Amino acid sequence: MTSKFASACATAIIVLSLACTNKDQQRAREKAAEAKQKARRGAERARQELEHLGQQAKREAKNLDENVNEAMRRGQPEGMAGADQKLHDAGQELRSDGRQAAVKLDRGAIIARVKAKLATNVGLSAAASVDVDANGQVVTLRGAVSSEEQRQAAERAATQVNGVTKVMNLLQVKP
């Protein structure tokens, strides 16, 4: 009788431990799904920001074109030399504005890729607390993470992003 009771208790313990393991696995799957969803939302926000920057660049180019045309209409009596200079100046300004728009788009794209990589590799809570900035191909990480491992993982993740050549890791560990 005692061996049957012991056997029943052992079976109950095994079943309960398996249930906990399955429950833990389910929670882990749910957290992973949440992290994926939040990363997708972050990527969508970044895509929208890039789209907005692109539209802004188009508007600025259109305004510049209108300004060039207006200058050309006003500059008719000055002769061709004045018109040529205005056209040259407008071309320079257009190239400069185009370079600035490209820099903004590149910066936004790098930030979005780094944020997505952080969410995937380090975890959503860490990615949410990390501020990412980009200047050319140099990425700066600021904010607080809960451990030195997360700090190092964030730097590794940022380094793995295409287009990033250097990472300035200014993250602080605050457990």
N, C-alpha and C. Protein backbone atom coordinates (compact mmCIF):
# COMPACT_ATOMS: atom_id res chain seq x y z
N MET A 1 0.82 -1.18 0.00
CA MET A 1 0.00 0.00 0.00
C MET A 1 0.87 1.25 0.00
N THR A 2 1.95 1.26 0.81
CA THR A 2 2.83 2.41 0.88
C THR A 2 3.54 2.61 -0.46
N SER A 3 3.90 1.54 -1.13
CA SER A 3 4.58 1.69 -2.41
C SER A 3 3.63 2.22 -3.46
N LYS A 4 2.34 1.85 -3.39
CA LYS A 4 1.36 2.39 -4.33
C LYS A 4 1.17 3.89 -4.07
N PHE A 5 1.11 4.27 -2.81
CA PHE A 5 0.96 5.67 -2.45
C PHE A 5 2.19 6.47 -2.91
N ALA A 6 3.37 5.94 -2.69
CA ALA A 6 4.61 6.60 -3.12
C ALA A 6 4.65 6.71 -4.64
N SER A 7 4.22 5.67 -5.31
CA SER A 7 4.19 5.67 -6.78
C SER A 7 3.20 6.73 -7.28
N ALA A 8 2.04 6.81 -6.63
CA ALA A 8 1.03 7.80 -7.02
C ALA A 8 1.56 9.21 -6.79
N CYS A 9 2.24 9.43 -5.67
CA CYS A 9 2.81 10.75 -5.37
C CYS A 9 3.88 11.11 -6.40
N ALA A 10 4.73 10.17 -6.73
CA ALA A 10 5.78 10.42 -7.72
C ALA A 10 5.18 10.76 -9.07
N THR A 11 4.13 10.03 -9.45
CA THR A 11 3.45 10.30 -10.73
C THR A 11 2.85 11.70 -10.71
N ALA A 12 2.22 12.07 -9.59
CA ALA A 12 1.61 13.40 -9.47
C ALA A 12 2.67 14.48 -9.58
N ILE A 13 3.81 14.27 -8.96
CA ILE A 13 4.90 15.26 -9.01
C ILE A 13 5.42 15.41 -10.45
N ILE A 14 5.57 14.30 -11.13
CA ILE A 14 6.05 14.35 -12.52
C ILE A 14 5.07 15.09 -13.41
N VAL A 15 3.77 14.78 -13.25
CA VAL A 15 2.75 15.46 -14.05
C VAL A 15 2.75 16.95 -13.76
N LEU A 16 2.84 17.34 -12.49
CA LEU A 16 2.86 18.75 -12.13
C LEU A 16 4.10 19.46 -12.68
N SER A 17 5.23 18.80 -12.62
CA SER A 17 6.45 19.44 -13.14
C SER A 17 6.38 19.60 -14.66
N LEU A 18 5.79 18.62 -15.35
CA LEU A 18 5.62 18.75 -16.79
C LEU A 18 4.65 19.88 -17.11
N ALA A 19 3.60 20.00 -16.32
CA ALA A 19 2.64 21.08 -16.54
C ALA A 19 3.32 22.43 -16.37
N CYS A 20 4.18 22.58 -15.36
CA CYS A 20 4.90 23.84 -15.16
C CYS A 20 5.82 24.12 -16.34
N THR A 21 6.49 23.08 -16.80
CA THR A 21 7.40 23.26 -17.92
C THR A 21 6.61 23.70 -19.15
N ASN A 22 5.48 23.06 -19.42
CA ASN A 22 4.66 23.46 -20.57
C ASN A 22 4.13 24.87 -20.39
N LYS A 23 3.75 25.20 -19.16
CA LYS A 23 3.25 26.54 -18.88
C LYS A 23 4.36 27.58 -19.11
N ASP A 24 5.57 27.26 -18.65
CA ASP A 24 6.70 28.16 -18.86
C ASP A 24 7.00 28.32 -20.35
N GLN A 25 6.93 27.22 -21.07
CA GLN A 25 7.18 27.28 -22.51
C GLN A 25 6.12 28.14 -23.21
N GLN A 26 4.88 27.99 -22.79
CA GLN A 26 3.80 28.79 -23.38
C GLN A 26 4.02 30.27 -23.09
N ARG A 27 4.41 30.59 -21.84
CA ARG A 27 4.68 31.99 -21.50
C ARG A 27 5.83 32.54 -22.33
N ALA A 28 6.85 31.72 -22.53
CA ALA A 28 8.00 32.16 -23.33
C ALA A 28 7.56 32.41 -24.78
N ARG A 29 6.70 31.52 -25.31
CA ARG A 29 6.21 31.73 -26.68
C ARG A 29 5.38 33.01 -26.77
N GLU A 30 4.56 33.26 -25.76
CA GLU A 30 3.75 34.47 -25.75
C GLU A 30 4.61 35.72 -25.69
N LYS A 31 5.65 35.68 -24.84
CA LYS A 31 6.55 36.84 -24.75
C LYS A 31 7.30 37.06 -26.07
N ALA A 32 7.71 35.97 -26.69
CA ALA A 32 8.40 36.09 -27.99
C ALA A 32 7.46 36.69 -29.03
N ALA A 33 6.20 36.25 -29.02
CA ALA A 33 5.23 36.80 -29.98
C ALA A 33 4.99 38.28 -29.70
N GLU A 34 4.91 38.66 -28.42
CA GLU A 34 4.76 40.07 -28.05
C GLU A 34 5.95 40.89 -28.55
N ALA A 35 7.14 40.36 -28.33
CA ALA A 35 8.36 41.08 -28.75
C ALA A 35 8.38 41.25 -30.26
N LYS A 36 7.97 40.21 -30.99
CA LYS A 36 7.93 40.30 -32.45
C LYS A 36 6.95 41.37 -32.88
N GLN A 37 5.79 41.38 -32.25
CA GLN A 37 4.75 42.36 -32.60
C GLN A 37 5.24 43.77 -32.32
N LYS A 38 5.88 43.98 -31.19
CA LYS A 38 6.38 45.32 -30.86
C LYS A 38 7.50 45.73 -31.81
N ALA A 39 8.34 44.78 -32.20
CA ALA A 39 9.40 45.08 -33.17
C ALA A 39 8.79 45.47 -34.51
N ARG A 40 7.72 44.76 -34.90
CA ARG A 40 7.04 45.10 -36.15
C ARG A 40 6.46 46.51 -36.08
N ARG A 41 5.84 46.83 -34.93
CA ARG A 41 5.27 48.18 -34.79
C ARG A 41 6.38 49.23 -34.85
N GLY A 42 7.53 48.95 -34.21
CA GLY A 42 8.65 49.88 -34.26
C GLY A 42 9.17 50.05 -35.68
N ALA A 43 9.26 48.95 -36.40
CA ALA A 43 9.72 49.03 -37.79
C ALA A 43 8.72 49.80 -38.64
N GLU A 44 7.43 49.62 -38.38
CA GLU A 44 6.41 50.36 -39.12
C GLU A 44 6.50 51.85 -38.83
N ARG A 45 6.72 52.21 -37.56
CA ARG A 45 6.89 53.63 -37.22
C ARG A 45 8.11 54.20 -37.94
N ALA A 46 9.19 53.44 -37.98
CA ALA A 46 10.40 53.90 -38.67
C ALA A 46 10.14 54.06 -40.16
N ARG A 47 9.39 53.10 -40.74
CA ARG A 47 9.06 53.18 -42.17
C ARG A 47 8.23 54.43 -42.44
N GLN A 48 7.27 54.72 -41.55
CA GLN A 48 6.44 55.91 -41.73
C GLN A 48 7.27 57.18 -41.62
N GLU A 49 8.23 57.18 -40.69
CA GLU A 49 9.10 58.35 -40.55
C GLU A 49 9.94 58.54 -41.81
N LEU A 50 10.46 57.44 -42.35
CA LEU A 50 11.24 57.54 -43.58
C LEU A 50 10.38 58.03 -44.73
N GLU A 51 9.15 57.54 -44.80
CA GLU A 51 8.24 57.98 -45.85
C GLU A 51 7.97 59.48 -45.71
N HIS A 52 7.76 59.92 -44.48
CA HIS A 52 7.53 61.34 -44.22
C HIS A 52 8.75 62.17 -44.66
N LEU A 53 9.94 61.68 -44.33
CA LEU A 53 11.15 62.40 -44.73
C LEU A 53 11.27 62.46 -46.26
N GLY A 54 10.91 61.37 -46.92
CA GLY A 54 10.95 61.35 -48.38
C GLY A 54 9.98 62.35 -48.97
N GLN A 55 8.77 62.41 -48.41
CA GLN A 55 7.77 63.37 -48.89
C GLN A 55 8.24 64.80 -48.64
N GLN A 56 8.86 65.02 -47.49
CA GLN A 56 9.38 66.34 -47.17
C GLN A 56 10.47 66.73 -48.18
N ALA A 57 11.33 65.79 -48.51
CA ALA A 57 12.39 66.08 -49.49
C ALA A 57 11.77 66.41 -50.85
N LYS A 58 10.71 65.69 -51.23
CA LYS A 58 10.05 65.98 -52.51
C LYS A 58 9.44 67.39 -52.51
N ARG A 59 8.79 67.74 -51.37
CA ARG A 59 8.19 69.08 -51.28
C ARG A 59 9.27 70.16 -51.38
N GLU A 60 10.38 69.93 -50.70
CA GLU A 60 11.46 70.92 -50.75
C GLU A 60 12.04 71.04 -52.16
N ALA A 61 12.15 69.92 -52.85
CA ALA A 61 12.65 69.96 -54.23
C ALA A 61 11.67 70.70 -55.14
N LYS A 62 10.37 70.45 -54.92
CA LYS A 62 9.35 71.14 -55.72
C LYS A 62 9.39 72.64 -55.46
N ASN A 63 9.50 73.03 -54.18
CA ASN A 63 9.60 74.46 -53.85
C ASN A 63 10.83 75.08 -54.47
N LEU A 64 11.91 74.37 -54.44
CA LEU A 64 13.14 74.88 -55.04
C LEU A 64 12.96 75.06 -56.54
N ASP A 65 12.32 74.09 -57.18
CA ASP A 65 12.07 74.18 -58.62
C ASP A 65 11.21 75.40 -58.93
N GLU A 66 10.18 75.62 -58.10
CA GLU A 66 9.33 76.80 -58.31
C GLU A 66 10.13 78.07 -58.11
N ASN A 67 11.00 78.09 -57.13
CA ASN A 67 11.84 79.27 -56.89
C ASN A 67 12.78 79.52 -58.08
N VAL A 68 13.33 78.46 -58.63
CA VAL A 68 14.21 78.60 -59.79
C VAL A 68 13.43 79.17 -60.97
N ASN A 69 12.24 78.61 -61.21
CA ASN A 69 11.43 79.11 -62.33
C ASN A 69 11.06 80.58 -62.13
N GLU A 70 10.70 80.95 -60.91
CA GLU A 70 10.35 82.35 -60.61
C GLU A 70 11.57 83.24 -60.82
N ALA A 71 12.72 82.80 -60.36
CA ALA A 71 13.94 83.59 -60.54
C ALA A 71 14.26 83.74 -62.02
N MET A 72 14.03 82.68 -62.78
CA MET A 72 14.30 82.74 -64.21
C MET A 72 13.35 83.74 -64.89
N ARG A 73 12.07 83.73 -64.49
CA ARG A 73 11.11 84.68 -65.09
C ARG A 73 11.48 86.12 -64.74
N ARG A 74 11.86 86.35 -63.48
CA ARG A 74 12.23 87.70 -63.07
C ARG A 74 13.56 88.11 -63.68
N GLY A 75 14.42 87.17 -63.98
CA GLY A 75 15.77 87.47 -64.44
C GLY A 75 15.89 87.65 -65.93
N GLN A 76 14.82 87.60 -66.68
CA GLN A 76 14.88 87.71 -68.14
C GLN A 76 15.61 88.98 -68.61
N PRO A 77 15.27 90.18 -68.09
CA PRO A 77 15.94 91.38 -68.62
C PRO A 77 17.44 91.42 -68.33
N GLU A 78 17.88 90.72 -67.31
CA GLU A 78 19.29 90.77 -66.95
C GLU A 78 20.17 90.10 -68.00
N GLY A 79 19.60 89.36 -68.87
CA GLY A 79 20.38 88.68 -69.88
C GLY A 79 20.71 87.26 -69.47
N MET A 80 21.33 86.57 -70.35
CA MET A 80 21.61 85.15 -70.13
C MET A 80 22.64 84.91 -69.03
N ALA A 81 23.57 85.82 -68.85
CA ALA A 81 24.60 85.62 -67.81
C ALA A 81 23.95 85.56 -66.44
N GLY A 82 23.02 86.46 -66.16
CA GLY A 82 22.32 86.47 -64.88
C GLY A 82 21.47 85.21 -64.71
N ALA A 83 20.82 84.80 -65.78
CA ALA A 83 19.99 83.59 -65.73
C ALA A 83 20.86 82.35 -65.51
N ASP A 84 22.00 82.32 -66.18
CA ASP A 84 22.91 81.18 -66.01
C ASP A 84 23.40 81.11 -64.56
N GLN A 85 23.72 82.25 -63.97
CA GLN A 85 24.19 82.25 -62.59
C GLN A 85 23.10 81.78 -61.65
N LYS A 86 21.87 82.26 -61.88
CA LYS A 86 20.75 81.84 -61.03
C LYS A 86 20.50 80.34 -61.18
N LEU A 87 20.59 79.86 -62.40
CA LEU A 87 20.39 78.43 -62.64
C LEU A 87 21.49 77.62 -61.96
N HIS A 88 22.72 78.11 -62.06
CA HIS A 88 23.84 77.44 -61.40
C HIS A 88 23.63 77.41 -59.88
N ASP A 89 23.24 78.56 -59.30
CA ASP A 89 23.01 78.65 -57.86
C ASP A 89 21.87 77.72 -57.44
N ALA A 90 20.82 77.69 -58.24
CA ALA A 90 19.68 76.83 -57.93
C ALA A 90 20.09 75.35 -57.99
N GLY A 91 20.92 75.02 -58.96
CA GLY A 91 21.42 73.64 -59.06
C GLY A 91 22.24 73.25 -57.84
N GLN A 92 23.08 74.17 -57.40
CA GLN A 92 23.88 73.92 -56.20
C GLN A 92 22.98 73.70 -54.99
N GLU A 93 21.97 74.57 -54.86
CA GLU A 93 21.05 74.46 -53.73
C GLU A 93 20.27 73.13 -53.81
N LEU A 94 19.86 72.76 -55.00
CA LEU A 94 19.13 71.50 -55.17
C LEU A 94 20.01 70.31 -54.80
N ARG A 95 21.25 70.32 -55.23
CA ARG A 95 22.17 69.23 -54.86
C ARG A 95 22.37 69.17 -53.35
N SER A 96 22.52 70.34 -52.74
CA SER A 96 22.70 70.39 -51.29
C SER A 96 21.46 69.85 -50.57
N ASP A 97 20.28 70.28 -51.00
CA ASP A 97 19.04 69.78 -50.40
C ASP A 97 18.89 68.28 -50.62
N GLY A 98 19.27 67.82 -51.79
CA GLY A 98 19.20 66.38 -52.07
C GLY A 98 20.12 65.59 -51.16
N ARG A 99 21.34 66.11 -50.94
CA ARG A 99 22.27 65.43 -50.03
C ARG A 99 21.72 65.41 -48.61
N GLN A 100 21.14 66.54 -48.18
CA GLN A 100 20.57 66.59 -46.83
C GLN A 100 19.41 65.60 -46.68
N ALA A 101 18.56 65.50 -47.69
CA ALA A 101 17.44 64.55 -47.63
C ALA A 101 17.97 63.12 -47.59
N ALA A 102 19.00 62.84 -48.37
CA ALA A 102 19.57 61.48 -48.38
C ALA A 102 20.17 61.14 -47.02
N VAL A 103 20.83 62.11 -46.40
CA VAL A 103 21.41 61.88 -45.07
C VAL A 103 20.31 61.58 -44.07
N LYS A 104 19.21 62.36 -44.12
CA LYS A 104 18.09 62.12 -43.21
C LYS A 104 17.50 60.73 -43.42
N LEU A 105 17.34 60.34 -44.68
CA LEU A 105 16.78 59.01 -44.97
C LEU A 105 17.73 57.91 -44.50
N ASP A 106 19.02 58.06 -44.77
CA ASP A 106 20.00 57.06 -44.33
C ASP A 106 20.02 56.95 -42.81
N ARG A 107 19.99 58.09 -42.14
CA ARG A 107 20.01 58.11 -40.67
C ARG A 107 18.79 57.38 -40.12
N GLY A 108 17.62 57.70 -40.66
CA GLY A 108 16.40 57.05 -40.19
C GLY A 108 16.41 55.56 -40.43
N ALA A 109 16.94 55.15 -41.58
CA ALA A 109 16.99 53.72 -41.91
C ALA A 109 17.93 52.98 -40.97
N ILE A 110 19.08 53.56 -40.68
CA ILE A 110 20.03 52.90 -39.77
C ILE A 110 19.43 52.79 -38.38
N ILE A 111 18.80 53.86 -37.91
CA ILE A 111 18.19 53.83 -36.58
C ILE A 111 17.12 52.74 -36.52
N ALA A 112 16.29 52.66 -37.55
CA ALA A 112 15.23 51.64 -37.57
C ALA A 112 15.81 50.23 -37.57
N ARG A 113 16.87 50.02 -38.37
CA ARG A 113 17.48 48.68 -38.41
C ARG A 113 18.11 48.31 -37.08
N VAL A 114 18.76 49.28 -36.42
CA VAL A 114 19.38 49.00 -35.13
C VAL A 114 18.31 48.70 -34.08
N LYS A 115 17.23 49.50 -34.06
CA LYS A 115 16.15 49.25 -33.09
C LYS A 115 15.55 47.86 -33.29
N ALA A 116 15.31 47.49 -34.55
CA ALA A 116 14.75 46.16 -34.84
C ALA A 116 15.71 45.06 -34.39
N LYS A 117 17.00 45.25 -34.63
CA LYS A 117 18.00 44.25 -34.23
C LYS A 117 18.07 44.14 -32.71
N LEU A 118 17.97 45.28 -32.02
CA LEU A 118 17.97 45.26 -30.56
C LEU A 118 16.76 44.48 -30.03
N ALA A 119 15.60 44.75 -30.60
CA ALA A 119 14.38 44.06 -30.15
C ALA A 119 14.50 42.56 -30.38
N THR A 120 15.09 42.18 -31.49
CA THR A 120 15.22 40.76 -31.83
C THR A 120 16.28 40.08 -30.98
N ASN A 121 17.46 40.69 -30.88
CA ASN A 121 18.59 40.03 -30.23
C ASN A 121 18.65 40.22 -28.71
N VAL A 122 18.29 41.41 -28.24
CA VAL A 122 18.46 41.71 -26.82
C VAL A 122 17.15 41.56 -26.06
N GLY A 123 16.06 41.85 -26.71
CA GLY A 123 14.76 41.77 -26.06
C GLY A 123 14.07 43.10 -26.11
N LEU A 124 12.76 43.01 -26.06
CA LEU A 124 11.96 44.21 -26.23
C LEU A 124 12.13 45.21 -25.11
N SER A 125 12.21 44.74 -23.87
CA SER A 125 12.33 45.68 -22.75
C SER A 125 13.64 46.46 -22.85
N ALA A 126 14.69 45.80 -23.26
CA ALA A 126 15.97 46.49 -23.43
C ALA A 126 15.90 47.47 -24.60
N ALA A 127 15.29 47.03 -25.71
CA ALA A 127 15.20 47.89 -26.89
C ALA A 127 14.37 49.13 -26.59
N ALA A 128 13.34 48.99 -25.78
CA ALA A 128 12.48 50.13 -25.46
C ALA A 128 13.22 51.16 -24.60
N SER A 129 14.17 50.72 -23.81
CA SER A 129 14.87 51.65 -22.93
C SER A 129 16.16 52.20 -23.53
N VAL A 130 16.45 51.81 -24.77
CA VAL A 130 17.68 52.26 -25.43
C VAL A 130 17.34 53.32 -26.47
N ASP A 131 18.01 54.46 -26.38
CA ASP A 131 17.88 55.52 -27.36
C ASP A 131 19.00 55.33 -28.39
N VAL A 132 18.62 55.26 -29.65
CA VAL A 132 19.58 55.04 -30.72
C VAL A 132 19.70 56.32 -31.55
N ASP A 133 20.93 56.72 -31.83
CA ASP A 133 21.16 57.87 -32.69
C ASP A 133 22.23 57.47 -33.70
N ALA A 134 22.19 58.08 -34.86
CA ALA A 134 23.17 57.76 -35.90
C ALA A 134 23.72 59.04 -36.49
N ASN A 135 25.01 59.03 -36.71
CA ASN A 135 25.68 60.12 -37.39
C ASN A 135 26.58 59.48 -38.43
N GLY A 136 26.10 59.47 -39.66
CA GLY A 136 26.81 58.73 -40.70
C GLY A 136 26.71 57.24 -40.39
N GLN A 137 27.84 56.58 -40.30
CA GLN A 137 27.85 55.15 -40.03
C GLN A 137 28.18 54.84 -38.57
N VAL A 138 28.19 55.89 -37.73
CA VAL A 138 28.47 55.73 -36.31
C VAL A 138 27.15 55.78 -35.54
N VAL A 139 26.90 54.74 -34.75
CA VAL A 139 25.67 54.64 -33.97
C VAL A 139 26.00 54.85 -32.50
N THR A 140 25.17 55.65 -31.82
CA THR A 140 25.34 55.88 -30.38
C THR A 140 24.15 55.29 -29.65
N LEU A 141 24.45 54.49 -28.63
CA LEU A 141 23.42 53.88 -27.79
C LEU A 141 23.42 54.58 -26.44
N ARG A 142 22.25 55.07 -26.02
CA ARG A 142 22.13 55.74 -24.73
C ARG A 142 20.93 55.15 -23.99
N GLY A 143 20.95 55.27 -22.67
CA GLY A 143 19.83 54.79 -21.88
C GLY A 143 20.32 53.85 -20.79
N ALA A 144 19.38 53.05 -20.29
CA ALA A 144 19.70 52.15 -19.19
C ALA A 144 19.23 50.74 -19.53
N VAL A 145 20.05 49.77 -19.16
CA VAL A 145 19.69 48.36 -19.29
C VAL A 145 19.87 47.70 -17.92
N SER A 146 19.32 46.50 -17.79
CA SER A 146 19.31 45.89 -16.46
C SER A 146 20.56 45.08 -16.12
N SER A 147 21.42 44.81 -17.11
CA SER A 147 22.62 44.02 -16.80
C SER A 147 23.75 44.35 -17.77
N GLU A 148 24.94 43.97 -17.37
CA GLU A 148 26.11 44.15 -18.23
C GLU A 148 25.98 43.28 -19.47
N GLU A 149 25.36 42.10 -19.32
CA GLU A 149 25.15 41.22 -20.48
C GLU A 149 24.27 41.90 -21.52
N GLN A 150 23.20 42.58 -21.07
CA GLN A 150 22.33 43.30 -22.00
C GLN A 150 23.09 44.45 -22.66
N ARG A 151 23.92 45.12 -21.91
CA ARG A 151 24.71 46.23 -22.45
C ARG A 151 25.62 45.72 -23.57
N GLN A 152 26.31 44.61 -23.33
CA GLN A 152 27.20 44.04 -24.33
C GLN A 152 26.41 43.48 -25.52
N ALA A 153 25.28 42.84 -25.23
CA ALA A 153 24.45 42.28 -26.31
C ALA A 153 23.91 43.40 -27.21
N ALA A 154 23.56 44.54 -26.62
CA ALA A 154 23.07 45.68 -27.40
C ALA A 154 24.17 46.19 -28.34
N GLU A 155 25.37 46.27 -27.83
CA GLU A 155 26.48 46.74 -28.66
C GLU A 155 26.76 45.75 -29.80
N ARG A 156 26.75 44.44 -29.46
CA ARG A 156 26.97 43.43 -30.51
C ARG A 156 25.88 43.51 -31.58
N ALA A 157 24.63 43.66 -31.15
CA ALA A 157 23.52 43.73 -32.09
C ALA A 157 23.66 44.93 -33.01
N ALA A 158 23.99 46.09 -32.45
CA ALA A 158 24.15 47.29 -33.26
C ALA A 158 25.30 47.15 -34.25
N THR A 159 26.37 46.49 -33.82
CA THR A 159 27.54 46.30 -34.68
C THR A 159 27.20 45.41 -35.88
N GLN A 160 26.25 44.51 -35.72
CA GLN A 160 25.88 43.57 -36.78
C GLN A 160 25.02 44.20 -37.87
N VAL A 161 24.51 45.40 -37.65
CA VAL A 161 23.62 46.04 -38.61
C VAL A 161 24.43 46.54 -39.80
N ASN A 162 23.92 46.24 -40.98
CA ASN A 162 24.57 46.66 -42.22
C ASN A 162 24.61 48.19 -42.28
N GLY A 163 25.78 48.74 -42.55
CA GLY A 163 25.93 50.19 -42.64
C GLY A 163 26.52 50.81 -41.39
N VAL A 164 26.63 50.05 -40.32
CA VAL A 164 27.19 50.56 -39.07
C VAL A 164 28.66 50.16 -39.00
N THR A 165 29.53 51.16 -38.85
CA THR A 165 30.96 50.86 -38.78
C THR A 165 31.51 51.00 -37.37
N LYS A 166 30.81 51.78 -36.53
CA LYS A 166 31.28 52.00 -35.17
C LYS A 166 30.08 52.19 -34.25
N VAL A 167 30.20 51.68 -33.02
CA VAL A 167 29.13 51.83 -32.03
C VAL A 167 29.70 52.50 -30.80
N MET A 168 29.08 53.60 -30.41
CA MET A 168 29.44 54.30 -29.18
C MET A 168 28.43 53.81 -28.14
N ASN A 169 28.88 52.96 -27.22
CA ASN A 169 27.99 52.36 -26.24
C ASN A 169 28.03 53.19 -24.95
N LEU A 170 27.02 54.04 -24.77
CA LEU A 170 26.93 54.88 -23.58
C LEU A 170 25.83 54.38 -22.65
N LEU A 171 25.46 53.10 -22.81
CA LEU A 171 24.41 52.51 -21.97
C LEU A 171 24.89 52.37 -20.55
N GLN A 172 23.99 52.58 -19.62
CA GLN A 172 24.30 52.43 -18.20
C GLN A 172 23.55 51.23 -17.65
N VAL A 173 24.20 50.49 -16.79
CA VAL A 173 23.57 49.32 -16.16
C VAL A 173 22.88 49.79 -14.88
N LYS A 174 21.55 49.59 -14.87
CA LYS A 174 20.75 49.94 -13.69
C LYS A 174 19.81 48.77 -13.39
N PRO A 175 20.25 47.89 -12.50
CA PRO A 175 19.43 46.69 -12.23
C PRO A 175 18.09 47.01 -11.61
